[in-house]
Each structure stands twice: as structure tokens, then as C-alpha cells.
Amino acid sequence: MDKAQSLYERLPKNGGQPILGGILISGVLGQGGKGVVLKGLHMRLSIPVAVKFISIEPDSDVQMILNEARLAASINHLNVVRVYDVNKEG
């Protein structure tokens, strides 16, 4: 998990624990070919969350990823991961 650990270590810290966009990050859940998933706590909602970072090429279709996030956010089902937010970094 060197890519995941590297990302985790580069996150901004607040009192020693990484925090990103209102999410208190507590560790790495896993990684795949295109991204890293971090374990966190949504500080305003007080719920556990998974934060997924997707690595894309500079000329990739960012709009397609945003559309997928919007579509997933519109679905409310026990077998579908709930989307609370989407952001573009870098």
C-alpha cells in the first residue's frame, strides 16, 4: 500500500490527525489501479465515511466522473454506496 500510505501521509494535519474537507481521516482502507480509499469520519454529520481518490490522466474526461458521482448520489438503496460529496483536486 505504498501509494495509499504516501497519499495518507501528505494530507493536511489538524492536531496530528489528517483532515480533508470536513472529513477526519483515520486510515487507509485499500487501493486499486486507479485510486485509493481512505477511512474517515464526516465531522458535521458524525458518520463513518470512505473517501475515494481517483487518479486520472490530465486529458481524461473529468465531466464523466462528475456525472457518475451525481448519478450515484441520486440513488438511495441499501446495496449502493451513498455519495455525499465530490471534489476535484490538483
PDB file of N, CA and C in Angstrom:
ATOM      1  N   MET A   1       0.823  -1.202   0.000  1.00  0.00           N
ATOM      2  CA  MET A   1       0.000   0.000   0.000  1.00  0.00           C
ATOM      3  C   MET A   1       0.861   1.257   0.000  1.00  0.00           C
ATOM      4  N   ASP A   2       1.963   1.268  -0.687  1.00  0.00           N
ATOM      5  CA  ASP A   2       2.855   2.423  -0.660  1.00  0.00           C
ATOM      6  C   ASP A   2       2.220   3.668  -1.262  1.00  0.00           C
ATOM      7  N   LYS A   3       1.444   3.539  -2.355  1.00  0.00           N
ATOM      8  CA  LYS A   3       0.761   4.691  -2.934  1.00  0.00           C
ATOM      9  C   LYS A   3      -0.271   5.246  -1.954  1.00  0.00           C
ATOM     10  N   ALA A   4      -1.030   4.359  -1.336  1.00  0.00           N
ATOM     11  CA  ALA A   4      -2.047   4.769  -0.374  1.00  0.00           C
ATOM     12  C   ALA A   4      -1.412   5.420   0.842  1.00  0.00           C
ATOM     13  N   GLN A   5      -0.361   4.811   1.362  1.00  0.00           N
ATOM     14  CA  GLN A   5       0.312   5.353   2.537  1.00  0.00           C
ATOM     15  C   GLN A   5       0.924   6.712   2.227  1.00  0.00           C
ATOM     16  N   SER A   6       1.480   6.871   1.030  1.00  0.00           N
ATOM     17  CA  SER A   6       2.068   8.140   0.616  1.00  0.00           C
ATOM     18  C   SER A   6       1.005   9.236   0.584  1.00  0.00           C
ATOM     19  N   LEU A   7      -0.166   8.934   0.029  1.00  0.00           N
ATOM     20  CA  LEU A   7      -1.258   9.904  -0.007  1.00  0.00           C
ATOM     21  C   LEU A   7      -1.688  10.261   1.407  1.00  0.00           C
ATOM     22  N   TYR A   8      -1.861   9.252   2.247  1.00  0.00           N
ATOM     23  CA  TYR A   8      -2.278   9.463   3.634  1.00  0.00           C
ATOM     24  C   TYR A   8      -1.306  10.385   4.367  1.00  0.00           C
ATOM     25  N   GLU A   9      -0.023  10.175   4.166  1.00  0.00           N
ATOM     26  CA  GLU A   9       0.989  10.980   4.856  1.00  0.00           C
ATOM     27  C   GLU A   9       1.061  12.414   4.343  1.00  0.00           C
ATOM     28  N   ARG A  10       0.642  12.663   3.105  1.00  0.00           N
ATOM     29  CA  ARG A  10       0.696  14.020   2.536  1.00  0.00           C
ATOM     30  C   ARG A  10      -0.524  14.867   2.870  1.00  0.00           C
ATOM     31  N   LEU A  11      -1.553  14.292   3.469  1.00  0.00           N
ATOM     32  CA  LEU A  11      -2.762  15.053   3.785  1.00  0.00           C
ATOM     33  C   LEU A  11      -2.471  16.105   4.846  1.00  0.00           C
ATOM     34  N   PRO A  12      -3.188  17.262   4.775  1.00  0.00           N
ATOM     35  CA  PRO A  12      -3.011  18.269   5.819  1.00  0.00           C
ATOM     36  C   PRO A  12      -3.399  17.721   7.182  1.00  0.00           C
ATOM     37  N   LYS A  13      -2.696  18.129   8.209  1.00  0.00           N
ATOM     38  CA  LYS A  13      -2.939  17.614   9.567  1.00  0.00           C
ATOM     39  C   LYS A  13      -3.583  18.693  10.435  1.00  0.00           C
ATOM     40  N   ASN A  14      -4.425  18.247  11.344  1.00  0.00           N
ATOM     41  CA  ASN A  14      -5.054  19.117  12.331  1.00  0.00           C
ATOM     42  C   ASN A  14      -4.869  18.436  13.680  1.00  0.00           C
ATOM     43  N   GLY A  15      -3.928  18.916  14.457  1.00  0.00           N
ATOM     44  CA  GLY A  15      -3.653  18.285  15.743  1.00  0.00           C
ATOM     45  C   GLY A  15      -3.067  16.894  15.586  1.00  0.00           C
ATOM     46  N   GLY A  16      -2.336  16.656  14.510  1.00  0.00           N
ATOM     47  CA  GLY A  16      -1.691  15.371  14.299  1.00  0.00           C
ATOM     48  C   GLY A  16      -2.487  14.392  13.457  1.00  0.00           C
ATOM     49  N   GLN A  17      -3.807  14.598  13.307  1.00  0.00           N
ATOM     50  CA  GLN A  17      -4.625  13.682  12.511  1.00  0.00           C
ATOM     51  C   GLN A  17      -5.023  14.361  11.198  1.00  0.00           C
ATOM     52  N   PRO A  18      -4.888  13.640  10.083  1.00  0.00           N
ATOM     53  CA  PRO A  18      -5.241  14.235   8.796  1.00  0.00           C
ATOM     54  C   PRO A  18      -6.717  14.623   8.725  1.00  0.00           C
ATOM     55  N   ILE A  19      -6.970  15.770   8.114  1.00  0.00           N
ATOM     56  CA  ILE A  19      -8.332  16.245   7.922  1.00  0.00           C
ATOM     57  C   ILE A  19      -8.431  16.780   6.502  1.00  0.00           C
ATOM     58  N   LEU A  20      -9.516  16.463   5.830  1.00  0.00           N
ATOM     59  CA  LEU A  20      -9.676  16.864   4.441  1.00  0.00           C
ATOM     60  C   LEU A  20     -11.145  17.164   4.174  1.00  0.00           C
ATOM     61  N   GLY A  21     -11.445  18.407   3.869  1.00  0.00           N
ATOM     62  CA  GLY A  21     -12.817  18.781   3.523  1.00  0.00           C
ATOM     63  C   GLY A  21     -13.856  18.414   4.558  1.00  0.00           C
ATOM     64  N   GLY A  22     -13.553  18.581   5.818  1.00  0.00           N
ATOM     65  CA  GLY A  22     -14.507  18.251   6.871  1.00  0.00           C
ATOM     66  C   GLY A  22     -14.541  16.779   7.239  1.00  0.00           C
ATOM     67  N   ILE A  23     -13.603  16.007   6.692  1.00  0.00           N
ATOM     68  CA  ILE A  23     -13.510  14.580   6.993  1.00  0.00           C
ATOM     69  C   ILE A  23     -12.244  14.335   7.796  1.00  0.00           C
ATOM     70  N   LEU A  24     -12.392  13.740   8.958  1.00  0.00           N
ATOM     71  CA  LEU A  24     -11.262  13.359   9.793  1.00  0.00           C
ATOM     72  C   LEU A  24     -10.802  11.981   9.327  1.00  0.00           C
ATOM     73  N   ILE A  25      -9.619  11.921   8.724  1.00  0.00           N
ATOM     74  CA  ILE A  25      -9.117  10.685   8.130  1.00  0.00           C
ATOM     75  C   ILE A  25      -8.429   9.845   9.205  1.00  0.00           C
ATOM     76  N   SER A  26      -8.799   8.546   9.268  1.00  0.00           N
ATOM     77  CA  SER A  26      -8.230   7.692  10.305  1.00  0.00           C
ATOM     78  C   SER A  26      -7.371   6.549   9.761  1.00  0.00           C
ATOM     79  N   GLY A  27      -7.345   6.366   8.451  1.00  0.00           N
ATOM     80  CA  GLY A  27      -6.503   5.299   7.926  1.00  0.00           C
ATOM     81  C   GLY A  27      -6.789   5.003   6.474  1.00  0.00           C
ATOM     82  N   VAL A  28      -6.104   4.001   5.981  1.00  0.00           N
ATOM     83  CA  VAL A  28      -6.241   3.566   4.596  1.00  0.00           C
ATOM     84  C   VAL A  28      -7.066   2.283   4.568  1.00  0.00           C
ATOM     85  N   LEU A  29      -8.109   2.252   3.744  1.00  0.00           N
ATOM     86  CA  LEU A  29      -8.913   1.040   3.590  1.00  0.00           C
ATOM     87  C   LEU A  29      -8.377   0.152   2.473  1.00  0.00           C
ATOM     88  N   GLY A  30      -7.870   0.771   1.408  1.00  0.00           N
ATOM     89  CA  GLY A  30      -7.343  -0.037   0.308  1.00  0.00           C
ATOM     90  C   GLY A  30      -6.955   0.818  -0.870  1.00  0.00           C
ATOM     91  N   GLN A  31      -6.462   0.135  -1.903  1.00  0.00           N
ATOM     92  CA  GLN A  31      -6.100   0.835  -3.128  1.00  0.00           C
ATOM     93  C   GLN A  31      -6.282  -0.093  -4.306  1.00  0.00           C
ATOM     94  N   GLY A  32      -6.456   0.519  -5.461  1.00  0.00           N
ATOM     95  CA  GLY A  32      -6.603  -0.240  -6.691  1.00  0.00           C
ATOM     96  C   GLY A  32      -5.772   0.406  -7.777  1.00  0.00           C
ATOM     97  N   GLY A  33      -6.033   0.026  -9.010  1.00  0.00           N
ATOM     98  CA  GLY A  33      -5.258   0.528 -10.123  1.00  0.00           C
ATOM     99  C   GLY A  33      -5.421   2.013 -10.367  1.00  0.00           C
ATOM    100  N   LYS A  34      -6.593   2.564 -10.060  1.00  0.00           N
ATOM    101  CA  LYS A  34      -6.857   3.974 -10.346  1.00  0.00           C
ATOM    102  C   LYS A  34      -7.065   4.840  -9.116  1.00  0.00           C
ATOM    103  N   GLY A  35      -7.025   4.269  -7.937  1.00  0.00           N
ATOM    104  CA  GLY A  35      -7.302   5.112  -6.790  1.00  0.00           C
ATOM    105  C   GLY A  35      -6.974   4.508  -5.449  1.00  0.00           C
ATOM    106  N   VAL A  36      -7.284   5.311  -4.428  1.00  0.00           N
ATOM    107  CA  VAL A  36      -7.025   4.968  -3.035  1.00  0.00           C
ATOM    108  C   VAL A  36      -8.299   5.264  -2.253  1.00  0.00           C
ATOM    109  N   VAL A  37      -8.642   4.390  -1.294  1.00  0.00           N
ATOM    110  CA  VAL A  37      -9.818   4.606  -0.445  1.00  0.00           C
ATOM    111  C   VAL A  37      -9.350   4.768   0.994  1.00  0.00           C
ATOM    112  N   LEU A  38      -9.764   5.877   1.600  1.00  0.00           N
ATOM    113  CA  LEU A  38      -9.393   6.191   2.975  1.00  0.00           C
ATOM    114  C   LEU A  38     -10.605   6.061   3.887  1.00  0.00           C
ATOM    115  N   LYS A  39     -10.371   5.733   5.133  1.00  0.00           N
ATOM    116  CA  LYS A  39     -11.418   5.627   6.156  1.00  0.00           C
ATOM    117  C   LYS A  39     -11.477   6.950   6.900  1.00  0.00           C
ATOM    118  N   GLY A  40     -12.700   7.453   7.123  1.00  0.00           N
ATOM    119  CA  GLY A  40     -12.800   8.724   7.816  1.00  0.00           C
ATOM    120  C   GLY A  40     -14.105   8.893   8.567  1.00  0.00           C
ATOM    121  N   LEU A  41     -14.206  10.032   9.218  1.00  0.00           N
ATOM    122  CA  LEU A  41     -15.412  10.427   9.949  1.00  0.00           C
ATOM    123  C   LEU A  41     -15.846  11.785   9.430  1.00  0.00           C
ATOM    124  N   HIS A  42     -17.064  11.855   8.915  1.00  0.00           N
ATOM    125  CA  HIS A  42     -17.629  13.130   8.463  1.00  0.00           C
ATOM    126  C   HIS A  42     -17.945  13.925   9.717  1.00  0.00           C
ATOM    127  N   MET A  43     -17.197  15.006   9.928  1.00  0.00           N
ATOM    128  CA  MET A  43     -17.273  15.713  11.208  1.00  0.00           C
ATOM    129  C   MET A  43     -18.608  16.417  11.432  1.00  0.00           C
ATOM    130  N   ARG A  44     -19.231  16.952  10.396  1.00  0.00           N
ATOM    131  CA  ARG A  44     -20.515  17.642  10.580  1.00  0.00           C
ATOM    132  C   ARG A  44     -21.681  16.681  10.744  1.00  0.00           C
ATOM    133  N   LEU A  45     -21.618  15.540  10.046  1.00  0.00           N
ATOM    134  CA  LEU A  45     -22.714  14.579  10.114  1.00  0.00           C
ATOM    135  C   LEU A  45     -22.488  13.491  11.159  1.00  0.00           C
ATOM    136  N   SER A  46     -21.259  13.394  11.695  1.00  0.00           N
ATOM    137  CA  SER A  46     -20.894  12.368  12.687  1.00  0.00           C
ATOM    138  C   SER A  46     -21.194  10.963  12.197  1.00  0.00           C
ATOM    139  N   ILE A  47     -20.791  10.683  10.957  1.00  0.00           N
ATOM    140  CA  ILE A  47     -20.986   9.341  10.400  1.00  0.00           C
ATOM    141  C   ILE A  47     -19.672   8.852   9.798  1.00  0.00           C
ATOM    142  N   PRO A  48     -19.445   7.532   9.841  1.00  0.00           N
ATOM    143  CA  PRO A  48     -18.243   6.989   9.192  1.00  0.00           C
ATOM    144  C   PRO A  48     -18.394   7.081   7.681  1.00  0.00           C
ATOM    145  N   VAL A  49     -17.297   7.400   6.997  1.00  0.00           N
ATOM    146  CA  VAL A  49     -17.317   7.520   5.545  1.00  0.00           C
ATOM    147  C   VAL A  49     -16.063   6.893   4.948  1.00  0.00           C
ATOM    148  N   ALA A  50     -16.138   6.598   3.674  1.00  0.00           N
ATOM    149  CA  ALA A  50     -14.974   6.191   2.884  1.00  0.00           C
ATOM    150  C   ALA A  50     -14.727   7.313   1.889  1.00  0.00           C
ATOM    151  N   VAL A  51     -13.481   7.710   1.757  1.00  0.00           N
ATOM    152  CA  VAL A  51     -13.097   8.764   0.821  1.00  0.00           C
ATOM    153  C   VAL A  51     -12.295   8.113  -0.288  1.00  0.00           C
ATOM    154  N   LYS A  52     -12.785   8.227  -1.520  1.00  0.00           N
ATOM    155  CA  LYS A  52     -12.107   7.601  -2.651  1.00  0.00           C
ATOM    156  C   LYS A  52     -11.428   8.658  -3.495  1.00  0.00           C
ATOM    157  N   PHE A  53     -10.122   8.490  -3.688  1.00  0.00           N
ATOM    158  CA  PHE A  53      -9.338   9.348  -4.571  1.00  0.00           C
ATOM    159  C   PHE A  53      -9.142   8.589  -5.871  1.00  0.00           C
ATOM    160  N   ILE A  54      -9.537   9.187  -6.985  1.00  0.00           N
ATOM    161  CA  ILE A  54      -9.367   8.560  -8.289  1.00  0.00           C
ATOM    162  C   ILE A  54      -8.287   9.312  -9.045  1.00  0.00           C
ATOM    163  N   SER A  55      -7.268   8.599  -9.495  1.00  0.00           N
ATOM    164  CA  SER A  55      -6.208   9.195 -10.297  1.00  0.00           C
ATOM    165  C   SER A  55      -6.599   9.109 -11.764  1.00  0.00           C
ATOM    166  N   ILE A  56      -6.540  10.251 -12.437  1.00  0.00           N
ATOM    167  CA  ILE A  56      -6.860  10.274 -13.863  1.00  0.00           C
ATOM    168  C   ILE A  56      -5.769  11.013 -14.612  1.00  0.00           C
ATOM    169  N   GLU A  57      -5.680  10.747 -15.883  1.00  0.00           N
ATOM    170  CA  GLU A  57      -4.740  11.458 -16.741  1.00  0.00           C
ATOM    171  C   GLU A  57      -5.237  12.882 -16.932  1.00  0.00           C
ATOM    172  N   PRO A  58      -4.327  13.839 -17.155  1.00  0.00           N
ATOM    173  CA  PRO A  58      -4.740  15.234 -17.303  1.00  0.00           C
ATOM    174  C   PRO A  58      -5.790  15.469 -18.384  1.00  0.00           C
ATOM    175  N   ASP A  59      -5.773  14.679 -19.455  1.00  0.00           N
ATOM    176  CA  ASP A  59      -6.743  14.896 -20.531  1.00  0.00           C
ATOM    177  C   ASP A  59      -7.965  13.979 -20.419  1.00  0.00           C
ATOM    178  N   SER A  60      -8.120  13.288 -19.297  1.00  0.00           N
ATOM    179  CA  SER A  60      -9.279  12.417 -19.107  1.00  0.00           C
ATOM    180  C   SER A  60     -10.546  13.234 -18.954  1.00  0.00           C
ATOM    181  N   ASP A  61     -11.662  12.556 -19.086  1.00  0.00           N
ATOM    182  CA  ASP A  61     -12.955  13.219 -19.029  1.00  0.00           C
ATOM    183  C   ASP A  61     -13.416  13.383 -17.579  1.00  0.00           C
ATOM    184  N   VAL A  62     -13.052  14.497 -16.977  1.00  0.00           N
ATOM    185  CA  VAL A  62     -13.443  14.792 -15.602  1.00  0.00           C
ATOM    186  C   VAL A  62     -14.963  14.890 -15.508  1.00  0.00           C
ATOM    187  N   GLN A  63     -15.590  15.424 -16.543  1.00  0.00           N
ATOM    188  CA  GLN A  63     -17.048  15.580 -16.546  1.00  0.00           C
ATOM    189  C   GLN A  63     -17.743  14.226 -16.420  1.00  0.00           C
ATOM    190  N   MET A  64     -17.183  13.181 -17.033  1.00  0.00           N
ATOM    191  CA  MET A  64     -17.769  11.851 -16.940  1.00  0.00           C
ATOM    192  C   MET A  64     -17.760  11.359 -15.489  1.00  0.00           C
ATOM    193  N   ILE A  65     -16.674  11.593 -14.782  1.00  0.00           N
ATOM    194  CA  ILE A  65     -16.572  11.183 -13.380  1.00  0.00           C
ATOM    195  C   ILE A  65     -17.571  11.961 -12.528  1.00  0.00           C
ATOM    196  N   LEU A  66     -17.689  13.261 -12.775  1.00  0.00           N
ATOM    197  CA  LEU A  66     -18.660  14.070 -12.031  1.00  0.00           C
ATOM    198  C   LEU A  66     -20.089  13.604 -12.311  1.00  0.00           C
ATOM    199  N   ASN A  67     -20.380  13.264 -13.549  1.00  0.00           N
ATOM    200  CA  ASN A  67     -21.714  12.758 -13.894  1.00  0.00           C
ATOM    201  C   ASN A  67     -22.005  11.440 -13.187  1.00  0.00           C
ATOM    202  N   GLU A  68     -21.006  10.548 -13.115  1.00  0.00           N
ATOM    203  CA  GLU A  68     -21.183   9.288 -12.391  1.00  0.00           C
ATOM    204  C   GLU A  68     -21.473   9.535 -10.914  1.00  0.00           C
ATOM    205  N   ALA A  69     -20.758  10.498 -10.316  1.00  0.00           N
ATOM    206  CA  ALA A  69     -20.983  10.825  -8.901  1.00  0.00           C
ATOM    207  C   ALA A  69     -22.393  11.371  -8.695  1.00  0.00           C
ATOM    208  N   ARG A  70     -22.838  12.225  -9.606  1.00  0.00           N
ATOM    209  CA  ARG A  70     -24.201  12.773  -9.498  1.00  0.00           C
ATOM    210  C   ARG A  70     -25.248  11.670  -9.614  1.00  0.00           C
ATOM    211  N   LEU A  71     -25.042  10.780 -10.554  1.00  0.00           N
ATOM    212  CA  LEU A  71     -25.975   9.675 -10.736  1.00  0.00           C
ATOM    213  C   LEU A  71     -26.015   8.788  -9.490  1.00  0.00           C
ATOM    214  N   ALA A  72     -24.841   8.426  -8.974  1.00  0.00           N
ATOM    215  CA  ALA A  72     -24.785   7.596  -7.767  1.00  0.00           C
ATOM    216  C   ALA A  72     -25.429   8.305  -6.582  1.00  0.00           C
ATOM    217  N   ALA A  73     -25.256   9.624  -6.491  1.00  0.00           N
ATOM    218  CA  ALA A  73     -25.841  10.394  -5.381  1.00  0.00           C
ATOM    219  C   ALA A  73     -27.363  10.416  -5.453  1.00  0.00           C
ATOM    220  N   SER A  74     -27.904  10.228  -6.634  1.00  0.00           N
ATOM    221  CA  SER A  74     -29.366  10.275  -6.782  1.00  0.00           C
ATOM    222  C   SER A  74     -30.035   8.953  -6.398  1.00  0.00           C
ATOM    223  N   ILE A  75     -29.234   7.916  -6.151  1.00  0.00           N
ATOM    224  CA  ILE A  75     -29.768   6.592  -5.813  1.00  0.00           C
ATOM    225  C   ILE A  75     -29.722   6.389  -4.300  1.00  0.00           C
ATOM    226  N   ASN A  76     -30.811   5.934  -3.754  1.00  0.00           N
ATOM    227  CA  ASN A  76     -30.863   5.632  -2.325  1.00  0.00           C
ATOM    228  C   ASN A  76     -31.296   4.176  -2.160  1.00  0.00           C
ATOM    229  N   HIS A  77     -30.320   3.297  -1.978  1.00  0.00           N
ATOM    230  CA  HIS A  77     -30.583   1.868  -1.859  1.00  0.00           C
ATOM    231  C   HIS A  77     -29.540   1.247  -0.937  1.00  0.00           C
ATOM    232  N   LEU A  78     -29.929   0.241  -0.166  1.00  0.00           N
ATOM    233  CA  LEU A  78     -29.013  -0.395   0.782  1.00  0.00           C
ATOM    234  C   LEU A  78     -27.779  -1.007   0.119  1.00  0.00           C
ATOM    235  N   ASN A  79     -27.890  -1.415  -1.136  1.00  0.00           N
ATOM    236  CA  ASN A  79     -26.773  -2.065  -1.824  1.00  0.00           C
ATOM    237  C   ASN A  79     -25.961  -1.114  -2.698  1.00  0.00           C
ATOM    238  N   VAL A  80     -26.197   0.178  -2.574  1.00  0.00           N
ATOM    239  CA  VAL A  80     -25.460   1.175  -3.356  1.00  0.00           C
ATOM    240  C   VAL A  80     -24.774   2.139  -2.394  1.00  0.00           C
ATOM    241  N   VAL A  81     -23.490   2.371  -2.631  1.00  0.00           N
ATOM    242  CA  VAL A  81     -22.729   3.298  -1.790  1.00  0.00           C
ATOM    243  C   VAL A  81     -23.314   4.696  -1.938  1.00  0.00           C
ATOM    244  N   ARG A  82     -23.538   5.357  -0.839  1.00  0.00           N
ATOM    245  CA  ARG A  82     -24.106   6.716  -0.839  1.00  0.00           C
ATOM    246  C   ARG A  82     -23.001   7.727  -1.106  1.00  0.00           C
ATOM    247  N   VAL A  83     -23.251   8.677  -1.998  1.00  0.00           N
ATOM    248  CA  VAL A  83     -22.301   9.748  -2.296  1.00  0.00           C
ATOM    249  C   VAL A  83     -22.752  11.005  -1.576  1.00  0.00           C
ATOM    250  N   TYR A  84     -21.859  11.589  -0.776  1.00  0.00           N
ATOM    251  CA  TYR A  84     -22.173  12.813  -0.042  1.00  0.00           C
ATOM    252  C   TYR A  84     -21.507  14.035  -0.635  1.00  0.00           C
ATOM    253  N   ASP A  85     -20.422  13.833  -1.380  1.00  0.00           N
ATOM    254  CA  ASP A  85     -19.680  14.976  -1.919  1.00  0.00           C
ATOM    255  C   ASP A  85     -18.757  14.503  -3.024  1.00  0.00           C
ATOM    256  N   VAL A  86     -18.379  15.422  -3.894  1.00  0.00           N
ATOM    257  CA  VAL A  86     -17.397  15.141  -4.937  1.00  0.00           C
ATOM    258  C   VAL A  86     -16.591  16.411  -5.160  1.00  0.00           C
ATOM    259  N   ASN A  87     -15.281  16.263  -5.282  1.00  0.00           N
ATOM    260  CA  ASN A  87     -14.398  17.415  -5.478  1.00  0.00           C
ATOM    261  C   ASN A  87     -13.301  17.068  -6.449  1.00  0.00           C
ATOM    262  N   LYS A  88     -12.738  18.092  -7.069  1.00  0.00           N
ATOM    263  CA  LYS A  88     -11.587  17.927  -7.943  1.00  0.00           C
ATOM    264  C   LYS A  88     -10.405  18.612  -7.270  1.00  0.00           C
ATOM    265  N   GLU A  89      -9.315  17.877  -7.128  1.00  0.00           N
ATOM    266  CA  GLU A  89      -8.102  18.406  -6.513  1.00  0.00           C
ATOM    267  C   GLU A  89      -6.984  18.406  -7.536  1.00  0.00           C
ATOM    268  N   GLY A  90      -6.172  19.455  -7.539  1.00  0.00           N
ATOM    269  CA  GLY A  90      -4.982  19.482  -8.387  1.00  0.00           C
ATOM    270  C   GLY A  90      -5.232  19.638  -9.847  1.00  0.00           C
TER     271      GLY A  90
END
